[in-house]
Amino acid sequence: MANKNRSAEAVIEKGAIVIRLPIKNLPLAVKYGPEPEGTRVTDARSFAKDVVTCLNAEDEVGTTAIHRMFDDAFAQAIEDGSMAVEVVGEDK
């Protein structure tokens, strides 16, 4: 079950990893994010559509920001010592 007090979260639901960022939280996420100081969201719903477009945009080889985010999370989980994976050499 999702934690309604979080500004953004990842959960497992019905066999899928689901990532949520409530649209109402976009103005604060941008305000405290890496964008230039003074940047503010004036229309959260429209901005959400633009963000979704960017998240799903493919580069020249078909990779999206979502793929890169998961690649980073996979690597971090492995580096953090996940017991649910096995790192095997090329000879196995």
PDB file of N, CA and C in Angstrom:
ATOM      1  N   MET A   1       0.837  -1.179   0.000  1.00  0.00           N
ATOM      2  CA  MET A   1       0.000   0.000   0.000  1.00  0.00           C
ATOM      3  C   MET A   1       0.882   1.244   0.000  1.00  0.00           C
ATOM      4  N   ALA A   2       0.489   2.247  -0.732  1.00  0.00           N
ATOM      5  CA  ALA A   2       1.251   3.478  -0.851  1.00  0.00           C
ATOM      6  C   ALA A   2       1.201   4.288   0.444  1.00  0.00           C
ATOM      7  N   ASN A   3       2.290   4.969   0.732  1.00  0.00           N
ATOM      8  CA  ASN A   3       2.357   5.858   1.889  1.00  0.00           C
ATOM      9  C   ASN A   3       1.918   7.238   1.424  1.00  0.00           C
ATOM     10  N   LYS A   4       0.765   7.684   1.841  1.00  0.00           N
ATOM     11  CA  LYS A   4       0.197   8.939   1.357  1.00  0.00           C
ATOM     12  C   LYS A   4       0.937  10.169   1.867  1.00  0.00           C
ATOM     13  N   ASN A   5       1.863   9.995   2.808  1.00  0.00           N
ATOM     14  CA  ASN A   5       2.619  11.125   3.337  1.00  0.00           C
ATOM     15  C   ASN A   5       3.907  11.390   2.569  1.00  0.00           C
ATOM     16  N   ARG A   6       4.259  10.550   1.645  1.00  0.00           N
ATOM     17  CA  ARG A   6       5.500  10.730   0.892  1.00  0.00           C
ATOM     18  C   ARG A   6       5.265  11.620  -0.322  1.00  0.00           C
ATOM     19  N   SER A   7       6.278  12.416  -0.651  1.00  0.00           N
ATOM     20  CA  SER A   7       6.155  13.274  -1.819  1.00  0.00           C
ATOM     21  C   SER A   7       6.341  12.478  -3.103  1.00  0.00           C
ATOM     22  N   ALA A   8       7.133  11.418  -3.035  1.00  0.00           N
ATOM     23  CA  ALA A   8       7.348  10.518  -4.169  1.00  0.00           C
ATOM     24  C   ALA A   8       7.766   9.181  -3.586  1.00  0.00           C
ATOM     25  N   GLU A   9       7.386   8.099  -4.255  1.00  0.00           N
ATOM     26  CA  GLU A   9       7.757   6.787  -3.735  1.00  0.00           C
ATOM     27  C   GLU A   9       7.667   5.720  -4.803  1.00  0.00           C
ATOM     28  N   ALA A  10       8.363   4.631  -4.545  1.00  0.00           N
ATOM     29  CA  ALA A  10       8.267   3.437  -5.371  1.00  0.00           C
ATOM     30  C   ALA A  10       7.689   2.332  -4.496  1.00  0.00           C
ATOM     31  N   VAL A  11       6.748   1.570  -5.059  1.00  0.00           N
ATOM     32  CA  VAL A  11       6.112   0.465  -4.341  1.00  0.00           C
ATOM     33  C   VAL A  11       5.948  -0.702  -5.305  1.00  0.00           C
ATOM     34  N   ILE A  12       5.668  -1.866  -4.746  1.00  0.00           N
ATOM     35  CA  ILE A  12       5.339  -3.033  -5.571  1.00  0.00           C
ATOM     36  C   ILE A  12       3.840  -3.245  -5.444  1.00  0.00           C
ATOM     37  N   GLU A  13       3.168  -3.259  -6.595  1.00  0.00           N
ATOM     38  CA  GLU A  13       1.723  -3.476  -6.643  1.00  0.00           C
ATOM     39  C   GLU A  13       1.382  -4.425  -7.773  1.00  0.00           C
ATOM     40  N   LYS A  14       0.644  -5.460  -7.453  1.00  0.00           N
ATOM     41  CA  LYS A  14       0.133  -6.387  -8.464  1.00  0.00           C
ATOM     42  C   LYS A  14       1.216  -6.824  -9.444  1.00  0.00           C
ATOM     43  N   GLY A  15       2.374  -7.190  -8.899  1.00  0.00           N
ATOM     44  CA  GLY A  15       3.442  -7.725  -9.732  1.00  0.00           C
ATOM     45  C   GLY A  15       4.210  -6.702 -10.546  1.00  0.00           C
ATOM     46  N   ALA A  16       4.124  -5.409 -10.177  1.00  0.00           N
ATOM     47  CA  ALA A  16       4.837  -4.368 -10.920  1.00  0.00           C
ATOM     48  C   ALA A  16       5.456  -3.365  -9.954  1.00  0.00           C
ATOM     49  N   ILE A  17       6.596  -2.804 -10.340  1.00  0.00           N
ATOM     50  CA  ILE A  17       7.160  -1.684  -9.600  1.00  0.00           C
ATOM     51  C   ILE A  17       6.435  -0.441 -10.098  1.00  0.00           C
ATOM     52  N   VAL A  18       5.852   0.291  -9.167  1.00  0.00           N
ATOM     53  CA  VAL A  18       5.080   1.482  -9.504  1.00  0.00           C
ATOM     54  C   VAL A  18       5.750   2.674  -8.832  1.00  0.00           C
ATOM     55  N   ILE A  19       5.997   3.711  -9.609  1.00  0.00           N
ATOM     56  CA  ILE A  19       6.603   4.926  -9.070  1.00  0.00           C
ATOM     57  C   ILE A  19       5.570   6.036  -9.132  1.00  0.00           C
ATOM     58  N   ARG A  20       5.390   6.715  -8.001  1.00  0.00           N
ATOM     59  CA  ARG A  20       4.389   7.769  -7.922  1.00  0.00           C
ATOM     60  C   ARG A  20       5.019   9.088  -7.518  1.00  0.00           C
ATOM     61  N   LEU A  21       4.613  10.119  -8.200  1.00  0.00           N
ATOM     62  CA  LEU A  21       4.896  11.486  -7.800  1.00  0.00           C
ATOM     63  C   LEU A  21       3.581  12.227  -7.993  1.00  0.00           C
ATOM     64  N   PRO A  22       2.865  12.490  -6.914  1.00  0.00           N
ATOM     65  CA  PRO A  22       1.586  13.182  -7.074  1.00  0.00           C
ATOM     66  C   PRO A  22       1.765  14.518  -7.796  1.00  0.00           C
ATOM     67  N   ILE A  23       0.893  14.788  -8.740  1.00  0.00           N
ATOM     68  CA  ILE A  23       0.974  16.023  -9.522  1.00  0.00           C
ATOM     69  C   ILE A  23       0.966  17.241  -8.611  1.00  0.00           C
ATOM     70  N   LYS A  24       0.217  17.176  -7.528  1.00  0.00           N
ATOM     71  CA  LYS A  24       0.159  18.319  -6.612  1.00  0.00           C
ATOM     72  C   LYS A  24       1.515  18.612  -5.973  1.00  0.00           C
ATOM     73  N   ASN A  25       2.443  17.639  -6.006  1.00  0.00           N
ATOM     74  CA  ASN A  25       3.775  17.827  -5.420  1.00  0.00           C
ATOM     75  C   ASN A  25       4.796  18.380  -6.412  1.00  0.00           C
ATOM     76  N   LEU A  26       4.436  18.488  -7.676  1.00  0.00           N
ATOM     77  CA  LEU A  26       5.386  18.977  -8.679  1.00  0.00           C
ATOM     78  C   LEU A  26       5.937  20.365  -8.358  1.00  0.00           C
ATOM     79  N   PRO A  27       5.108  21.329  -7.954  1.00  0.00           N
ATOM     80  CA  PRO A  27       5.676  22.652  -7.666  1.00  0.00           C
ATOM     81  C   PRO A  27       6.794  22.614  -6.620  1.00  0.00           C
ATOM     82  N   LEU A  28       6.612  21.857  -5.549  1.00  0.00           N
ATOM     83  CA  LEU A  28       7.662  21.761  -4.531  1.00  0.00           C
ATOM     84  C   LEU A  28       8.866  20.972  -5.034  1.00  0.00           C
ATOM     85  N   ALA A  29       8.612  19.913  -5.803  1.00  0.00           N
ATOM     86  CA  ALA A  29       9.714  19.108  -6.338  1.00  0.00           C
ATOM     87  C   ALA A  29      10.617  19.963  -7.225  1.00  0.00           C
ATOM     88  N   VAL A  30      10.012  20.818  -8.017  1.00  0.00           N
ATOM     89  CA  VAL A  30      10.798  21.706  -8.889  1.00  0.00           C
ATOM     90  C   VAL A  30      11.477  22.794  -8.056  1.00  0.00           C
ATOM     91  N   LYS A  31      10.738  23.359  -7.114  1.00  0.00           N
ATOM     92  CA  LYS A  31      11.289  24.436  -6.274  1.00  0.00           C
ATOM     93  C   LYS A  31      12.559  23.986  -5.563  1.00  0.00           C
ATOM     94  N   TYR A  32      12.566  22.746  -5.038  1.00  0.00           N
ATOM     95  CA  TYR A  32      13.706  22.249  -4.286  1.00  0.00           C
ATOM     96  C   TYR A  32      14.606  21.330  -5.105  1.00  0.00           C
ATOM     97  N   GLY A  33      14.368  21.251  -6.407  1.00  0.00           N
ATOM     98  CA  GLY A  33      15.182  20.423  -7.282  1.00  0.00           C
ATOM     99  C   GLY A  33      16.374  21.182  -7.825  1.00  0.00           C
ATOM    100  N   PRO A  34      17.062  20.594  -8.801  1.00  0.00           N
ATOM    101  CA  PRO A  34      18.301  21.177  -9.317  1.00  0.00           C
ATOM    102  C   PRO A  34      18.106  22.297 -10.343  1.00  0.00           C
ATOM    103  N   GLU A  35      16.876  22.597 -10.697  1.00  0.00           N
ATOM    104  CA  GLU A  35      16.655  23.628 -11.714  1.00  0.00           C
ATOM    105  C   GLU A  35      17.071  25.000 -11.199  1.00  0.00           C
ATOM    106  N   PRO A  36      17.238  25.955 -12.104  1.00  0.00           N
ATOM    107  CA  PRO A  36      17.697  27.288 -11.678  1.00  0.00           C
ATOM    108  C   PRO A  36      16.802  27.884 -10.592  1.00  0.00           C
ATOM    109  N   GLU A  37      17.434  28.571  -9.657  1.00  0.00           N
ATOM    110  CA  GLU A  37      16.696  29.230  -8.579  1.00  0.00           C
ATOM    111  C   GLU A  37      15.653  30.166  -9.181  1.00  0.00           C
ATOM    112  N   GLY A  38      14.486  30.157  -8.610  1.00  0.00           N
ATOM    113  CA  GLY A  38      13.417  31.015  -9.103  1.00  0.00           C
ATOM    114  C   GLY A  38      12.491  30.327 -10.083  1.00  0.00           C
ATOM    115  N   THR A  39      12.810  29.085 -10.482  1.00  0.00           N
ATOM    116  CA  THR A  39      11.925  28.342 -11.375  1.00  0.00           C
ATOM    117  C   THR A  39      10.719  27.882 -10.576  1.00  0.00           C
ATOM    118  N   ARG A  40       9.523  28.107 -11.110  1.00  0.00           N
ATOM    119  CA  ARG A  40       8.333  27.634 -10.402  1.00  0.00           C
ATOM    120  C   ARG A  40       7.323  27.101 -11.404  1.00  0.00           C
ATOM    121  N   VAL A  41       6.564  26.130 -10.970  1.00  0.00           N
ATOM    122  CA  VAL A  41       5.523  25.508 -11.788  1.00  0.00           C
ATOM    123  C   VAL A  41       4.268  26.357 -11.663  1.00  0.00           C
ATOM    124  N   THR A  42       3.716  26.769 -12.808  1.00  0.00           N
ATOM    125  CA  THR A  42       2.502  27.584 -12.801  1.00  0.00           C
ATOM    126  C   THR A  42       1.261  26.784 -13.157  1.00  0.00           C
ATOM    127  N   ASP A  43       1.450  25.618 -13.786  1.00  0.00           N
ATOM    128  CA  ASP A  43       0.329  24.741 -14.155  1.00  0.00           C
ATOM    129  C   ASP A  43       0.807  23.302 -13.997  1.00  0.00           C
ATOM    130  N   ALA A  44       0.509  22.728 -12.830  1.00  0.00           N
ATOM    131  CA  ALA A  44       1.038  21.409 -12.497  1.00  0.00           C
ATOM    132  C   ALA A  44       0.568  20.327 -13.461  1.00  0.00           C
ATOM    133  N   ARG A  45      -0.684  20.346 -13.864  1.00  0.00           N
ATOM    134  CA  ARG A  45      -1.193  19.307 -14.784  1.00  0.00           C
ATOM    135  C   ARG A  45      -0.499  19.366 -16.143  1.00  0.00           C
ATOM    136  N   SER A  46      -0.354  20.545 -16.688  1.00  0.00           N
ATOM    137  CA  SER A  46       0.337  20.678 -17.979  1.00  0.00           C
ATOM    138  C   SER A  46       1.800  20.299 -17.857  1.00  0.00           C
ATOM    139  N   PHE A  47       2.429  20.721 -16.761  1.00  0.00           N
ATOM    140  CA  PHE A  47       3.833  20.377 -16.556  1.00  0.00           C
ATOM    141  C   PHE A  47       3.998  18.875 -16.403  1.00  0.00           C
ATOM    142  N   ALA A  48       3.047  18.221 -15.721  1.00  0.00           N
ATOM    143  CA  ALA A  48       3.100  16.758 -15.559  1.00  0.00           C
ATOM    144  C   ALA A  48       3.098  16.072 -16.917  1.00  0.00           C
ATOM    145  N   LYS A  49       2.293  16.545 -17.841  1.00  0.00           N
ATOM    146  CA  LYS A  49       2.268  15.964 -19.194  1.00  0.00           C
ATOM    147  C   LYS A  49       3.627  16.125 -19.866  1.00  0.00           C
ATOM    148  N   ASP A  50       4.243  17.299 -19.698  1.00  0.00           N
ATOM    149  CA  ASP A  50       5.567  17.525 -20.282  1.00  0.00           C
ATOM    150  C   ASP A  50       6.612  16.601 -19.664  1.00  0.00           C
ATOM    151  N   VAL A  51       6.530  16.403 -18.349  1.00  0.00           N
ATOM    152  CA  VAL A  51       7.477  15.522 -17.661  1.00  0.00           C
ATOM    153  C   VAL A  51       7.314  14.085 -18.141  1.00  0.00           C
ATOM    154  N   VAL A  52       6.073  13.627 -18.273  1.00  0.00           N
ATOM    155  CA  VAL A  52       5.821  12.259 -18.756  1.00  0.00           C
ATOM    156  C   VAL A  52       6.388  12.087 -20.165  1.00  0.00           C
ATOM    157  N   THR A  53       6.202  13.092 -21.003  1.00  0.00           N
ATOM    158  CA  THR A  53       6.766  13.036 -22.357  1.00  0.00           C
ATOM    159  C   THR A  53       8.280  12.875 -22.291  1.00  0.00           C
ATOM    160  N   CYS A  54       8.925  13.636 -21.422  1.00  0.00           N
ATOM    161  CA  CYS A  54      10.382  13.536 -21.283  1.00  0.00           C
ATOM    162  C   CYS A  54      10.813  12.190 -20.719  1.00  0.00           C
ATOM    163  N   LEU A  55      10.074  11.671 -19.744  1.00  0.00           N
ATOM    164  CA  LEU A  55      10.419  10.368 -19.161  1.00  0.00           C
ATOM    165  C   LEU A  55      10.344   9.245 -20.193  1.00  0.00           C
ATOM    166  N   ASN A  56       9.418   9.350 -21.120  1.00  0.00           N
ATOM    167  CA  ASN A  56       9.221   8.297 -22.125  1.00  0.00           C
ATOM    168  C   ASN A  56       9.969   8.542 -23.431  1.00  0.00           C
ATOM    169  N   ALA A  57      10.627   9.697 -23.563  1.00  0.00           N
ATOM    170  CA  ALA A  57      11.352  10.022 -24.795  1.00  0.00           C
ATOM    171  C   ALA A  57      12.552   9.097 -24.958  1.00  0.00           C
ATOM    172  N   GLU A  58      12.688   8.542 -26.155  1.00  0.00           N
ATOM    173  CA  GLU A  58      13.789   7.627 -26.446  1.00  0.00           C
ATOM    174  C   GLU A  58      14.952   8.358 -27.100  1.00  0.00           C
ATOM    175  N   ASP A  59      16.167   7.969 -26.710  1.00  0.00           N
ATOM    176  CA  ASP A  59      17.338   8.494 -27.400  1.00  0.00           C
ATOM    177  C   ASP A  59      17.560   7.686 -28.676  1.00  0.00           C
ATOM    178  N   GLU A  60      18.689   7.867 -29.316  1.00  0.00           N
ATOM    179  CA  GLU A  60      18.946   7.233 -30.611  1.00  0.00           C
ATOM    180  C   GLU A  60      18.980   5.709 -30.563  1.00  0.00           C
ATOM    181  N   VAL A  61      19.175   5.121 -29.387  1.00  0.00           N
ATOM    182  CA  VAL A  61      19.185   3.660 -29.277  1.00  0.00           C
ATOM    183  C   VAL A  61      17.951   3.121 -28.548  1.00  0.00           C
ATOM    184  N   GLY A  62      16.989   3.994 -28.274  1.00  0.00           N
ATOM    185  CA  GLY A  62      15.736   3.553 -27.667  1.00  0.00           C
ATOM    186  C   GLY A  62      15.701   3.582 -26.145  1.00  0.00           C
ATOM    187  N   THR A  63      16.737   4.166 -25.536  1.00  0.00           N
ATOM    188  CA  THR A  63      16.797   4.250 -24.083  1.00  0.00           C
ATOM    189  C   THR A  63      16.041   5.486 -23.602  1.00  0.00           C
ATOM    190  N   THR A  64      15.319   5.332 -22.490  1.00  0.00           N
ATOM    191  CA  THR A  64      14.577   6.446 -21.907  1.00  0.00           C
ATOM    192  C   THR A  64      15.163   6.814 -20.548  1.00  0.00           C
ATOM    193  N   ALA A  65      14.717   7.933 -19.997  1.00  0.00           N
ATOM    194  CA  ALA A  65      15.123   8.325 -18.642  1.00  0.00           C
ATOM    195  C   ALA A  65      14.700   7.256 -17.634  1.00  0.00           C
ATOM    196  N   ILE A  66      13.595   6.589 -17.908  1.00  0.00           N
ATOM    197  CA  ILE A  66      13.126   5.518 -17.023  1.00  0.00           C
ATOM    198  C   ILE A  66      14.113   4.357 -17.040  1.00  0.00           C
ATOM    199  N   HIS A  67      14.602   3.971 -18.225  1.00  0.00           N
ATOM    200  CA  HIS A  67      15.602   2.909 -18.309  1.00  0.00           C
ATOM    201  C   HIS A  67      16.846   3.285 -17.506  1.00  0.00           C
ATOM    202  N   ARG A  68      17.312   4.523 -17.667  1.00  0.00           N
ATOM    203  CA  ARG A  68      18.522   4.961 -16.963  1.00  0.00           C
ATOM    204  C   ARG A  68      18.303   4.962 -15.452  1.00  0.00           C
ATOM    205  N   MET A  69      17.107   5.378 -15.010  1.00  0.00           N
ATOM    206  CA  MET A  69      16.797   5.375 -13.584  1.00  0.00           C
ATOM    207  C   MET A  69      16.842   3.948 -13.035  1.00  0.00           C
ATOM    208  N   PHE A  70      16.218   3.002 -13.756  1.00  0.00           N
ATOM    209  CA  PHE A  70      16.234   1.618 -13.298  1.00  0.00           C
ATOM    210  C   PHE A  70      17.643   1.040 -13.340  1.00  0.00           C
ATOM    211  N   ASP A  71      18.415   1.338 -14.383  1.00  0.00           N
ATOM    212  CA  ASP A  71      19.796   0.860 -14.438  1.00  0.00           C
ATOM    213  C   ASP A  71      20.576   1.318 -13.209  1.00  0.00           C
ATOM    214  N   ASP A  72      20.404   2.595 -12.830  1.00  0.00           N
ATOM    215  CA  ASP A  72      21.080   3.120 -11.647  1.00  0.00           C
ATOM    216  C   ASP A  72      20.603   2.407 -10.378  1.00  0.00           C
ATOM    217  N   ALA A  73      19.301   2.184 -10.273  1.00  0.00           N
ATOM    218  CA  ALA A  73      18.752   1.514  -9.087  1.00  0.00           C
ATOM    219  C   ALA A  73      19.212   0.056  -9.015  1.00  0.00           C
ATOM    220  N   PHE A  74      19.257  -0.639 -10.162  1.00  0.00           N
ATOM    221  CA  PHE A  74      19.743  -2.024 -10.181  1.00  0.00           C
ATOM    222  C   PHE A  74      21.187  -2.073  -9.676  1.00  0.00           C
ATOM    223  N   ALA A  75      22.028  -1.192 -10.221  1.00  0.00           N
ATOM    224  CA  ALA A  75      23.436  -1.164  -9.835  1.00  0.00           C
ATOM    225  C   ALA A  75      23.583  -0.852  -8.348  1.00  0.00           C
ATOM    226  N   GLN A  76      22.793   0.099  -7.853  1.00  0.00           N
ATOM    227  CA  GLN A  76      22.881   0.464  -6.443  1.00  0.00           C
ATOM    228  C   GLN A  76      22.457  -0.692  -5.536  1.00  0.00           C
ATOM    229  N   ALA A  77      21.380  -1.382  -5.903  1.00  0.00           N
ATOM    230  CA  ALA A  77      20.916  -2.522  -5.099  1.00  0.00           C
ATOM    231  C   ALA A  77      21.985  -3.618  -5.045  1.00  0.00           C
ATOM    232  N   ILE A  78      22.647  -3.856  -6.173  1.00  0.00           N
ATOM    233  CA  ILE A  78      23.710  -4.865  -6.217  1.00  0.00           C
ATOM    234  C   ILE A  78      24.906  -4.411  -5.382  1.00  0.00           C
ATOM    235  N   GLU A  79      25.306  -3.144  -5.549  1.00  0.00           N
ATOM    236  CA  GLU A  79      26.427  -2.610  -4.774  1.00  0.00           C
ATOM    237  C   GLU A  79      26.122  -2.606  -3.274  1.00  0.00           C
ATOM    238  N   ASP A  80      24.854  -2.412  -2.926  1.00  0.00           N
ATOM    239  CA  ASP A  80      24.454  -2.404  -1.516  1.00  0.00           C
ATOM    240  C   ASP A  80      24.370  -3.807  -0.928  1.00  0.00           C
ATOM    241  N   GLY A  81      24.638  -4.832  -1.758  1.00  0.00           N
ATOM    242  CA  GLY A  81      24.703  -6.195  -1.254  1.00  0.00           C
ATOM    243  C   GLY A  81      23.407  -6.976  -1.321  1.00  0.00           C
ATOM    244  N   SER A  82      22.552  -6.673  -2.274  1.00  0.00           N
ATOM    245  CA  SER A  82      21.307  -7.437  -2.406  1.00  0.00           C
ATOM    246  C   SER A  82      21.611  -8.928  -2.400  1.00  0.00           C
ATOM    247  N   MET A  83      20.877  -9.655  -1.589  1.00  0.00           N
ATOM    248  CA  MET A  83      21.054 -11.106  -1.507  1.00  0.00           C
ATOM    249  C   MET A  83      20.200 -11.823  -2.551  1.00  0.00           C
ATOM    250  N   ALA A  84      19.498 -11.070  -3.384  1.00  0.00           N
ATOM    251  CA  ALA A  84      18.574 -11.653  -4.354  1.00  0.00           C
ATOM    252  C   ALA A  84      19.177 -11.775  -5.747  1.00  0.00           C
ATOM    253  N   VAL A  85      20.467 -11.488  -5.882  1.00  0.00           N
ATOM    254  CA  VAL A  85      21.140 -11.618  -7.175  1.00  0.00           C
ATOM    255  C   VAL A  85      22.440 -12.375  -6.982  1.00  0.00           C
ATOM    256  N   GLU A  86      22.919 -12.903  -8.070  1.00  0.00           N
ATOM    257  CA  GLU A  86      24.204 -13.574  -8.071  1.00  0.00           C
ATOM    258  C   GLU A  86      25.031 -12.974  -9.198  1.00  0.00           C
ATOM    259  N   VAL A  87      26.208 -12.521  -8.875  1.00  0.00           N
ATOM    260  CA  VAL A  87      27.103 -11.986  -9.890  1.00  0.00           C
ATOM    261  C   VAL A  87      28.010 -13.121 -10.335  1.00  0.00           C
ATOM    262  N   VAL A  88      27.903 -13.468 -11.615  1.00  0.00           N
ATOM    263  CA  VAL A  88      28.675 -14.585 -12.136  1.00  0.00           C
ATOM    264  C   VAL A  88      29.697 -14.076 -13.136  1.00  0.00           C
ATOM    265  N   GLY A  89      30.808 -14.800 -13.227  1.00  0.00           N
ATOM    266  CA  GLY A  89      31.840 -14.440 -14.174  1.00  0.00           C
ATOM    267  C   GLY A  89      31.466 -14.887 -15.587  1.00  0.00           C
ATOM    268  N   GLU A  90      32.246 -14.448 -16.540  1.00  0.00           N
ATOM    269  CA  GLU A  90      31.978 -14.795 -17.932  1.00  0.00           C
ATOM    270  C   GLU A  90      32.152 -16.291 -18.191  1.00  0.00           C
ATOM    271  N   ASP A  91      32.892 -16.973 -17.337  1.00  0.00           N
ATOM    272  CA  ASP A  91      33.160 -18.396 -17.567  1.00  0.00           C
ATOM    273  C   ASP A  91      32.039 -19.291 -17.061  1.00  0.00           C
ATOM    274  N   LYS A  92      30.998 -18.731 -16.422  1.00  0.00           N
ATOM    275  CA  LYS A  92      29.902 -19.559 -15.890  1.00  0.00           C
ATOM    276  C   LYS A  92      28.702 -19.518 -16.785  1.00  0.00           C
TER     277      LYS A  92
END
